[in-house]
Amino acid sequence: MDARRINSALSYREFAQFDFGDKDVDWCLRLSPHYYNTEREVDDVAAAVAELAGRPA
């Protein structure tokens, strides 16, 4: 996401032990939808997530 200049953050299990334990995940990518100002920005973020996940947008 940094290479795409998309503001995001990684969260790790040690910061969300209850929630991550229930979901059996070690980390997640956090996005703040209120940060994006236009529909195009939202579309760009959605496309980047889809691409990185290996799925069509």
PDB file of N, CA and C in Angstrom:
ATOM      1  N   MET A   1       0.830  -1.176   0.000  1.00  0.00           N
ATOM      2  CA  MET A   1       0.000   0.000   0.000  1.00  0.00           C
ATOM      3  C   MET A   1       0.884   1.253   0.000  1.00  0.00           C
ATOM      4  N   ASP A   2       1.994   1.200   0.723  1.00  0.00           N
ATOM      5  CA  ASP A   2       2.889   2.361   0.733  1.00  0.00           C
ATOM      6  C   ASP A   2       3.380   2.683  -0.679  1.00  0.00           C
ATOM      7  N   ALA A   3       3.731   1.642  -1.444  1.00  0.00           N
ATOM      8  CA  ALA A   3       4.215   1.859  -2.806  1.00  0.00           C
ATOM      9  C   ALA A   3       3.141   2.499  -3.678  1.00  0.00           C
ATOM     10  N   ARG A   4       1.884   2.273  -3.333  1.00  0.00           N
ATOM     11  CA  ARG A   4       0.764   2.858  -4.067  1.00  0.00           C
ATOM     12  C   ARG A   4       0.333   4.200  -3.468  1.00  0.00           C
ATOM     13  N   ARG A   5       1.040   4.633  -2.458  1.00  0.00           N
ATOM     14  CA  ARG A   5       0.756   5.893  -1.760  1.00  0.00           C
ATOM     15  C   ARG A   5      -0.645   5.902  -1.144  1.00  0.00           C
ATOM     16  N   ILE A   6      -1.010   4.726  -0.590  1.00  0.00           N
ATOM     17  CA  ILE A   6      -2.302   4.580   0.080  1.00  0.00           C
ATOM     18  C   ILE A   6      -2.045   4.496   1.576  1.00  0.00           C
ATOM     19  N   ASN A   7      -2.651   5.389   2.318  1.00  0.00           N
ATOM     20  CA  ASN A   7      -2.465   5.434   3.757  1.00  0.00           C
ATOM     21  C   ASN A   7      -3.114   4.207   4.401  1.00  0.00           C
ATOM     22  N   SER A   8      -2.325   3.440   5.127  1.00  0.00           N
ATOM     23  CA  SER A   8      -2.805   2.235   5.807  1.00  0.00           C
ATOM     24  C   SER A   8      -1.861   1.917   6.953  1.00  0.00           C
ATOM     25  N   ALA A   9      -2.235   0.936   7.763  1.00  0.00           N
ATOM     26  CA  ALA A   9      -1.388   0.526   8.885  1.00  0.00           C
ATOM     27  C   ALA A   9      -1.607  -0.958   9.143  1.00  0.00           C
ATOM     28  N   LEU A  10      -0.567  -1.615   9.595  1.00  0.00           N
ATOM     29  CA  LEU A  10      -0.682  -3.008  10.003  1.00  0.00           C
ATOM     30  C   LEU A  10      -0.918  -3.071  11.502  1.00  0.00           C
ATOM     31  N   SER A  11      -1.792  -3.955  11.905  1.00  0.00           N
ATOM     32  CA  SER A  11      -2.015  -4.234  13.327  1.00  0.00           C
ATOM     33  C   SER A  11      -1.655  -5.692  13.564  1.00  0.00           C
ATOM     34  N   TYR A  12      -1.024  -5.946  14.683  1.00  0.00           N
ATOM     35  CA  TYR A  12      -0.574  -7.297  14.994  1.00  0.00           C
ATOM     36  C   TYR A  12      -1.318  -7.854  16.206  1.00  0.00           C
ATOM     37  N   ARG A  13      -1.260  -9.159  16.353  1.00  0.00           N
ATOM     38  CA  ARG A  13      -2.007  -9.865  17.386  1.00  0.00           C
ATOM     39  C   ARG A  13      -1.759  -9.287  18.781  1.00  0.00           C
ATOM     40  N   GLU A  14      -0.552  -8.874  19.088  1.00  0.00           N
ATOM     41  CA  GLU A  14      -0.274  -8.367  20.432  1.00  0.00           C
ATOM     42  C   GLU A  14      -1.058  -7.100  20.768  1.00  0.00           C
ATOM     43  N   PHE A  15      -1.594  -6.432  19.749  1.00  0.00           N
ATOM     44  CA  PHE A  15      -2.385  -5.223  19.987  1.00  0.00           C
ATOM     45  C   PHE A  15      -3.885  -5.485  19.999  1.00  0.00           C
ATOM     46  N   ALA A  16      -4.309  -6.678  19.634  1.00  0.00           N
ATOM     47  CA  ALA A  16      -5.737  -7.008  19.587  1.00  0.00           C
ATOM     48  C   ALA A  16      -5.919  -8.488  19.930  1.00  0.00           C
ATOM     49  N   GLN A  17      -5.425  -8.898  21.082  1.00  0.00           N
ATOM     50  CA  GLN A  17      -5.374 -10.308  21.424  1.00  0.00           C
ATOM     51  C   GLN A  17      -6.741 -10.975  21.467  1.00  0.00           C
ATOM     52  N   PHE A  18      -7.736 -10.297  21.972  1.00  0.00           N
ATOM     53  CA  PHE A  18      -9.055 -10.933  22.071  1.00  0.00           C
ATOM     54  C   PHE A  18      -9.677 -11.112  20.689  1.00  0.00           C
ATOM     55  N   ASP A  19      -9.724 -10.036  19.941  1.00  0.00           N
ATOM     56  CA  ASP A  19     -10.359 -10.065  18.623  1.00  0.00           C
ATOM     57  C   ASP A  19      -9.599 -10.974  17.657  1.00  0.00           C
ATOM     58  N   PHE A  20      -8.295 -10.841  17.605  1.00  0.00           N
ATOM     59  CA  PHE A  20      -7.509 -11.639  16.666  1.00  0.00           C
ATOM     60  C   PHE A  20      -7.526 -13.105  17.054  1.00  0.00           C
ATOM     61  N   GLY A  21      -7.553 -13.385  18.338  1.00  0.00           N
ATOM     62  CA  GLY A  21      -7.631 -14.774  18.787  1.00  0.00           C
ATOM     63  C   GLY A  21      -8.919 -15.433  18.334  1.00  0.00           C
ATOM     64  N   ASP A  22     -10.030 -14.712  18.461  1.00  0.00           N
ATOM     65  CA  ASP A  22     -11.327 -15.239  18.016  1.00  0.00           C
ATOM     66  C   ASP A  22     -11.337 -15.484  16.513  1.00  0.00           C
ATOM     67  N   LYS A  23     -10.645 -14.635  15.767  1.00  0.00           N
ATOM     68  CA  LYS A  23     -10.629 -14.753  14.301  1.00  0.00           C
ATOM     69  C   LYS A  23      -9.472 -15.621  13.807  1.00  0.00           C
ATOM     70  N   ASP A  24      -8.584 -16.027  14.721  1.00  0.00           N
ATOM     71  CA  ASP A  24      -7.414 -16.844  14.398  1.00  0.00           C
ATOM     72  C   ASP A  24      -6.542 -16.195  13.316  1.00  0.00           C
ATOM     73  N   VAL A  25      -6.234 -14.915  13.513  1.00  0.00           N
ATOM     74  CA  VAL A  25      -5.344 -14.189  12.608  1.00  0.00           C
ATOM     75  C   VAL A  25      -4.193 -13.597  13.410  1.00  0.00           C
ATOM     76  N   ASP A  26      -3.085 -13.372  12.750  1.00  0.00           N
ATOM     77  CA  ASP A  26      -1.909 -12.799  13.400  1.00  0.00           C
ATOM     78  C   ASP A  26      -1.741 -11.309  13.119  1.00  0.00           C
ATOM     79  N   TRP A  27      -2.361 -10.830  12.052  1.00  0.00           N
ATOM     80  CA  TRP A  27      -2.239  -9.422  11.687  1.00  0.00           C
ATOM     81  C   TRP A  27      -3.404  -9.031  10.787  1.00  0.00           C
ATOM     82  N   CYS A  28      -3.561  -7.740  10.588  1.00  0.00           N
ATOM     83  CA  CYS A  28      -4.547  -7.234   9.632  1.00  0.00           C
ATOM     84  C   CYS A  28      -4.059  -5.902   9.086  1.00  0.00           C
ATOM     85  N   LEU A  29      -4.605  -5.547   7.947  1.00  0.00           N
ATOM     86  CA  LEU A  29      -4.330  -4.256   7.335  1.00  0.00           C
ATOM     87  C   LEU A  29      -5.473  -3.337   7.688  1.00  0.00           C
ATOM     88  N   ARG A  30      -5.156  -2.204   8.278  1.00  0.00           N
ATOM     89  CA  ARG A  30      -6.189  -1.252   8.681  1.00  0.00           C
ATOM     90  C   ARG A  30      -6.259  -0.116   7.672  1.00  0.00           C
ATOM     91  N   LEU A  31      -7.480   0.177   7.262  1.00  0.00           N
ATOM     92  CA  LEU A  31      -7.753   1.316   6.397  1.00  0.00           C
ATOM     93  C   LEU A  31      -8.771   2.192   7.106  1.00  0.00           C
ATOM     94  N   SER A  32      -8.703   3.477   6.878  1.00  0.00           N
ATOM     95  CA  SER A  32      -9.658   4.410   7.479  1.00  0.00           C
ATOM     96  C   SER A  32     -10.485   5.022   6.361  1.00  0.00           C
ATOM     97  N   PRO A  33     -11.699   4.489   6.129  1.00  0.00           N
ATOM     98  CA  PRO A  33     -12.498   4.975   5.004  1.00  0.00           C
ATOM     99  C   PRO A  33     -12.772   6.478   5.033  1.00  0.00           C
ATOM    100  N   HIS A  34     -12.850   7.061   6.212  1.00  0.00           N
ATOM    101  CA  HIS A  34     -13.120   8.502   6.289  1.00  0.00           C
ATOM    102  C   HIS A  34     -11.944   9.333   5.777  1.00  0.00           C
ATOM    103  N   TYR A  35     -10.791   8.702   5.622  1.00  0.00           N
ATOM    104  CA  TYR A  35      -9.594   9.405   5.153  1.00  0.00           C
ATOM    105  C   TYR A  35      -9.705   9.751   3.670  1.00  0.00           C
ATOM    106  N   TYR A  36     -10.419   8.920   2.914  1.00  0.00           N
ATOM    107  CA  TYR A  36     -10.505   9.106   1.474  1.00  0.00           C
ATOM    108  C   TYR A  36     -11.627  10.083   1.154  1.00  0.00           C
ATOM    109  N   ASN A  37     -11.380  10.983   0.206  1.00  0.00           N
ATOM    110  CA  ASN A  37     -12.264  12.124  -0.009  1.00  0.00           C
ATOM    111  C   ASN A  37     -13.154  12.032  -1.237  1.00  0.00           C
ATOM    112  N   THR A  38     -12.796  11.208  -2.181  1.00  0.00           N
ATOM    113  CA  THR A  38     -13.568  11.134  -3.416  1.00  0.00           C
ATOM    114  C   THR A  38     -13.903   9.678  -3.722  1.00  0.00           C
ATOM    115  N   GLU A  39     -14.889   9.488  -4.589  1.00  0.00           N
ATOM    116  CA  GLU A  39     -15.234   8.124  -4.997  1.00  0.00           C
ATOM    117  C   GLU A  39     -14.062   7.475  -5.717  1.00  0.00           C
ATOM    118  N   ARG A  40     -13.328   8.249  -6.468  1.00  0.00           N
ATOM    119  CA  ARG A  40     -12.160   7.710  -7.170  1.00  0.00           C
ATOM    120  C   ARG A  40     -11.130   7.172  -6.172  1.00  0.00           C
ATOM    121  N   GLU A  41     -10.876   7.905  -5.101  1.00  0.00           N
ATOM    122  CA  GLU A  41      -9.931   7.425  -4.080  1.00  0.00           C
ATOM    123  C   GLU A  41     -10.419   6.120  -3.461  1.00  0.00           C
ATOM    124  N   VAL A  42     -11.700   6.029  -3.184  1.00  0.00           N
ATOM    125  CA  VAL A  42     -12.257   4.790  -2.631  1.00  0.00           C
ATOM    126  C   VAL A  42     -12.109   3.660  -3.646  1.00  0.00           C
ATOM    127  N   ASP A  43     -12.408   3.936  -4.907  1.00  0.00           N
ATOM    128  CA  ASP A  43     -12.255   2.926  -5.952  1.00  0.00           C
ATOM    129  C   ASP A  43     -10.800   2.484  -6.089  1.00  0.00           C
ATOM    130  N   ASP A  44      -9.858   3.426  -6.019  1.00  0.00           N
ATOM    131  CA  ASP A  44      -8.430   3.096  -6.118  1.00  0.00           C
ATOM    132  C   ASP A  44      -7.995   2.186  -4.975  1.00  0.00           C
ATOM    133  N   VAL A  45      -8.460   2.484  -3.761  1.00  0.00           N
ATOM    134  CA  VAL A  45      -8.110   1.652  -2.599  1.00  0.00           C
ATOM    135  C   VAL A  45      -8.711   0.259  -2.759  1.00  0.00           C
ATOM    136  N   ALA A  46      -9.973   0.181  -3.153  1.00  0.00           N
ATOM    137  CA  ALA A  46     -10.624  -1.111  -3.341  1.00  0.00           C
ATOM    138  C   ALA A  46      -9.904  -1.931  -4.409  1.00  0.00           C
ATOM    139  N   ALA A  47      -9.504  -1.300  -5.505  1.00  0.00           N
ATOM    140  CA  ALA A  47      -8.785  -1.997  -6.564  1.00  0.00           C
ATOM    141  C   ALA A  47      -7.426  -2.486  -6.070  1.00  0.00           C
ATOM    142  N   ALA A  48      -6.739  -1.688  -5.284  1.00  0.00           N
ATOM    143  CA  ALA A  48      -5.420  -2.093  -4.762  1.00  0.00           C
ATOM    144  C   ALA A  48      -5.563  -3.292  -3.828  1.00  0.00           C
ATOM    145  N   VAL A  49      -6.549  -3.257  -2.960  1.00  0.00           N
ATOM    146  CA  VAL A  49      -6.774  -4.388  -2.039  1.00  0.00           C
ATOM    147  C   VAL A  49      -7.091  -5.647  -2.838  1.00  0.00           C
ATOM    148  N   ALA A  50      -7.968  -5.538  -3.832  1.00  0.00           N
ATOM    149  CA  ALA A  50      -8.334  -6.687  -4.661  1.00  0.00           C
ATOM    150  C   ALA A  50      -7.114  -7.238  -5.385  1.00  0.00           C
ATOM    151  N   GLU A  51      -6.306  -6.350  -5.947  1.00  0.00           N
ATOM    152  CA  GLU A  51      -5.107  -6.780  -6.674  1.00  0.00           C
ATOM    153  C   GLU A  51      -4.126  -7.481  -5.748  1.00  0.00           C
ATOM    154  N   LEU A  52      -3.875  -6.915  -4.602  1.00  0.00           N
ATOM    155  CA  LEU A  52      -2.940  -7.521  -3.655  1.00  0.00           C
ATOM    156  C   LEU A  52      -3.450  -8.850  -3.104  1.00  0.00           C
ATOM    157  N   ALA A  53      -4.770  -9.004  -3.050  1.00  0.00           N
ATOM    158  CA  ALA A  53      -5.374 -10.261  -2.585  1.00  0.00           C
ATOM    159  C   ALA A  53      -5.458 -11.281  -3.714  1.00  0.00           C
ATOM    160  N   GLY A  54      -5.094 -10.858  -4.945  1.00  0.00           N
ATOM    161  CA  GLY A  54      -5.135 -11.759  -6.082  1.00  0.00           C
ATOM    162  C   GLY A  54      -6.523 -12.005  -6.623  1.00  0.00           C
ATOM    163  N   ARG A  55      -7.395 -11.019  -6.457  1.00  0.00           N
ATOM    164  CA  ARG A  55      -8.785 -11.142  -6.915  1.00  0.00           C
ATOM    165  C   ARG A  55      -9.084 -10.014  -7.898  1.00  0.00           C
ATOM    166  N   PRO A  56     -10.007 -10.249  -8.823  1.00  0.00           N
ATOM    167  CA  PRO A  56     -10.388  -9.156  -9.727  1.00  0.00           C
ATOM    168  C   PRO A  56     -11.123  -8.050  -8.986  1.00  0.00           C
ATOM    169  N   ALA A  57     -10.910  -6.824  -9.387  1.00  0.00           N
ATOM    170  CA  ALA A  57     -11.557  -5.672  -8.723  1.00  0.00           C
ATOM    171  C   ALA A  57     -13.021  -5.587  -9.030  1.00  0.00           C
TER     172      ALA A  57
END
